[in-house]
Amino acid sequence: MSHKDVAQAVDTFLEVLGDLGVPLTGPARRAVRGVESLRRSEDARHRLADLLQGAEEDFRQKAQQQGLAPVADWVASLPVHDLPTFRQAVEHLRDL
């Protein structure tokens, strides 16, 4: 059973309990939905990181093929997590 299916099953179960008058099922449902939302966000971050890594690898490979190995190595050494520095470096490349 997937995480999404488990979250839906728990949400439905809590809804039924709420309909039967069991207290605090509303906050429990909100908590389950919040956890599921965080899990989906984490999955999205991992997918984005994978896509970015693939794009970097493609760029480096194509730069190598075009005789631009020093540029490929320079781009690989840039601190991508430091977006202002990375953005300045890319703008500098564009201006060359």
C-alpha atoms as a PDB file:
ATOM      1  CA  MET A   1       0.000   0.000   0.000  1.00  0.00           C
ATOM      2  CA  SER A   2       1.458   3.397  -0.979  1.00  0.00           C
ATOM      3  CA  HIS A   3       1.895   6.321   1.419  1.00  0.00           C
ATOM      4  CA  LYS A   4      -0.913   8.133  -0.376  1.00  0.00           C
ATOM      5  CA  ASP A   5      -3.266   5.149   0.015  1.00  0.00           C
ATOM      6  CA  VAL A   6      -2.431   4.825   3.711  1.00  0.00           C
ATOM      7  CA  ALA A   7      -3.073   8.542   4.276  1.00  0.00           C
ATOM      8  CA  GLN A   8      -6.420   8.300   2.468  1.00  0.00           C
ATOM      9  CA  ALA A   9      -7.432   5.214   4.451  1.00  0.00           C
ATOM     10  CA  VAL A  10      -6.527   6.862   7.769  1.00  0.00           C
ATOM     11  CA  ASP A  11      -8.358  10.049   6.757  1.00  0.00           C
ATOM     12  CA  THR A  12     -11.483   8.055   5.861  1.00  0.00           C
ATOM     13  CA  PHE A  13     -11.260   6.061   9.101  1.00  0.00           C
ATOM     14  CA  LEU A  14     -10.977   9.273  11.130  1.00  0.00           C
ATOM     15  CA  GLU A  15     -13.916  10.757   9.224  1.00  0.00           C
ATOM     16  CA  VAL A  16     -16.085   7.754  10.130  1.00  0.00           C
ATOM     17  CA  LEU A  17     -14.982   7.980  13.763  1.00  0.00           C
ATOM     18  CA  GLY A  18     -15.869  11.670  13.729  1.00  0.00           C
ATOM     19  CA  ASP A  19     -19.305  10.881  12.313  1.00  0.00           C
ATOM     20  CA  LEU A  20     -19.760   8.425  15.205  1.00  0.00           C
ATOM     21  CA  GLY A  21     -18.994  11.195  17.681  1.00  0.00           C
ATOM     22  CA  VAL A  22     -15.443  10.240  18.637  1.00  0.00           C
ATOM     23  CA  PRO A  23     -13.767  13.441  19.880  1.00  0.00           C
ATOM     24  CA  LEU A  24     -10.671  15.078  18.373  1.00  0.00           C
ATOM     25  CA  THR A  25     -10.908  13.348  15.005  1.00  0.00           C
ATOM     26  CA  GLY A  26     -10.872  16.732  13.219  1.00  0.00           C
ATOM     27  CA  PRO A  27      -7.430  17.718  14.531  1.00  0.00           C
ATOM     28  CA  ALA A  28      -6.163  14.191  13.878  1.00  0.00           C
ATOM     29  CA  ARG A  29      -7.344  14.399  10.258  1.00  0.00           C
ATOM     30  CA  ARG A  30      -5.618  17.760   9.826  1.00  0.00           C
ATOM     31  CA  ALA A  31      -2.424  16.276  11.261  1.00  0.00           C
ATOM     32  CA  VAL A  32      -2.550  13.325   8.847  1.00  0.00           C
ATOM     33  CA  ARG A  33      -3.133  15.674   5.921  1.00  0.00           C
ATOM     34  CA  GLY A  34      -0.246  17.876   7.065  1.00  0.00           C
ATOM     35  CA  VAL A  35       2.133  14.939   7.295  1.00  0.00           C
ATOM     36  CA  GLU A  36       1.067  13.730   3.842  1.00  0.00           C
ATOM     37  CA  SER A  37       1.606  17.226   2.428  1.00  0.00           C
ATOM     38  CA  LEU A  38       5.117  17.347   3.904  1.00  0.00           C
ATOM     39  CA  ARG A  39       5.884  13.909   2.477  1.00  0.00           C
ATOM     40  CA  ARG A  40       4.769  15.019  -0.986  1.00  0.00           C
ATOM     41  CA  SER A  41       6.880  18.176  -0.676  1.00  0.00           C
ATOM     42  CA  GLU A  42       9.917  16.104   0.254  1.00  0.00           C
ATOM     43  CA  ASP A  43       9.303  13.823  -2.747  1.00  0.00           C
ATOM     44  CA  ALA A  44       9.071  16.908  -4.985  1.00  0.00           C
ATOM     45  CA  ARG A  45      12.383  18.247  -3.627  1.00  0.00           C
ATOM     46  CA  HIS A  46      14.065  14.915  -4.339  1.00  0.00           C
ATOM     47  CA  ARG A  47      12.669  14.832  -7.890  1.00  0.00           C
ATOM     48  CA  LEU A  48      13.819  18.407  -8.493  1.00  0.00           C
ATOM     49  CA  ALA A  49      17.295  17.625  -7.150  1.00  0.00           C
ATOM     50  CA  ASP A  50      17.474  14.617  -9.484  1.00  0.00           C
ATOM     51  CA  LEU A  51      16.395  16.752 -12.455  1.00  0.00           C
ATOM     52  CA  LEU A  52      18.960  19.428 -11.626  1.00  0.00           C
ATOM     53  CA  GLN A  53      21.702  16.847 -11.297  1.00  0.00           C
ATOM     54  CA  GLY A  54      20.739  15.374 -14.674  1.00  0.00           C
ATOM     55  CA  ALA A  55      20.778  18.823 -16.294  1.00  0.00           C
ATOM     56  CA  GLU A  56      24.215  19.515 -14.846  1.00  0.00           C
ATOM     57  CA  GLU A  57      25.525  16.185 -16.117  1.00  0.00           C
ATOM     58  CA  ASP A  58      24.069  16.858 -19.592  1.00  0.00           C
ATOM     59  CA  PHE A  59      25.635  20.325 -19.685  1.00  0.00           C
ATOM     60  CA  ARG A  60      29.029  19.058 -18.593  1.00  0.00           C
ATOM     61  CA  GLN A  61      28.942  16.230 -21.139  1.00  0.00           C
ATOM     62  CA  LYS A  62      27.993  18.554 -24.012  1.00  0.00           C
ATOM     63  CA  ALA A  63      30.582  21.128 -22.957  1.00  0.00           C
ATOM     64  CA  GLN A  64      33.242  18.404 -22.945  1.00  0.00           C
ATOM     65  CA  GLN A  65      32.155  17.273 -26.429  1.00  0.00           C
ATOM     66  CA  GLN A  66      32.448  20.837 -27.719  1.00  0.00           C
ATOM     67  CA  GLY A  67      35.954  21.297 -26.348  1.00  0.00           C
ATOM     68  CA  LEU A  68      34.842  23.409 -23.415  1.00  0.00           C
ATOM     69  CA  ALA A  69      36.216  21.214 -20.643  1.00  0.00           C
ATOM     70  CA  PRO A  70      37.510  24.164 -18.561  1.00  0.00           C
ATOM     71  CA  VAL A  71      34.049  25.778 -18.657  1.00  0.00           C
ATOM     72  CA  ALA A  72      32.403  22.490 -17.671  1.00  0.00           C
ATOM     73  CA  ASP A  73      34.811  22.090 -14.761  1.00  0.00           C
ATOM     74  CA  TRP A  74      34.275  25.701 -13.686  1.00  0.00           C
ATOM     75  CA  VAL A  75      30.476  25.322 -13.712  1.00  0.00           C
ATOM     76  CA  ALA A  76      30.797  22.086 -11.724  1.00  0.00           C
ATOM     77  CA  SER A  77      32.799  23.939  -9.071  1.00  0.00           C
ATOM     78  CA  LEU A  78      30.219  26.711  -8.594  1.00  0.00           C
ATOM     79  CA  PRO A  79      28.355  26.703  -5.271  1.00  0.00           C
ATOM     80  CA  VAL A  80      24.828  26.152  -6.635  1.00  0.00           C
ATOM     81  CA  HIS A  81      23.439  26.259  -3.086  1.00  0.00           C
ATOM     82  CA  ASP A  82      24.706  29.876  -2.928  1.00  0.00           C
ATOM     83  CA  LEU A  83      22.247  31.247  -5.480  1.00  0.00           C
ATOM     84  CA  PRO A  84      23.462  34.886  -5.555  1.00  0.00           C
ATOM     85  CA  THR A  85      27.026  33.769  -6.333  1.00  0.00           C
ATOM     86  CA  PHE A  86      25.791  31.235  -8.873  1.00  0.00           C
ATOM     87  CA  ARG A  87      23.555  33.836 -10.545  1.00  0.00           C
ATOM     88  CA  GLN A  88      26.462  36.318 -10.768  1.00  0.00           C
ATOM     89  CA  ALA A  89      28.668  33.661 -12.341  1.00  0.00           C
ATOM     90  CA  VAL A  90      26.058  32.754 -14.934  1.00  0.00           C
ATOM     91  CA  GLU A  91      25.501  36.446 -15.762  1.00  0.00           C
ATOM     92  CA  HIS A  92      29.251  36.890 -16.139  1.00  0.00           C
ATOM     93  CA  LEU A  93      29.336  33.945 -18.558  1.00  0.00           C
ATOM     94  CA  ARG A  94      26.496  35.486 -20.547  1.00  0.00           C
ATOM     95  CA  ASP A  95      28.348  38.789 -20.816  1.00  0.00           C
ATOM     96  CA  LEU A  96      31.528  37.192 -22.205  1.00  0.00           C
END
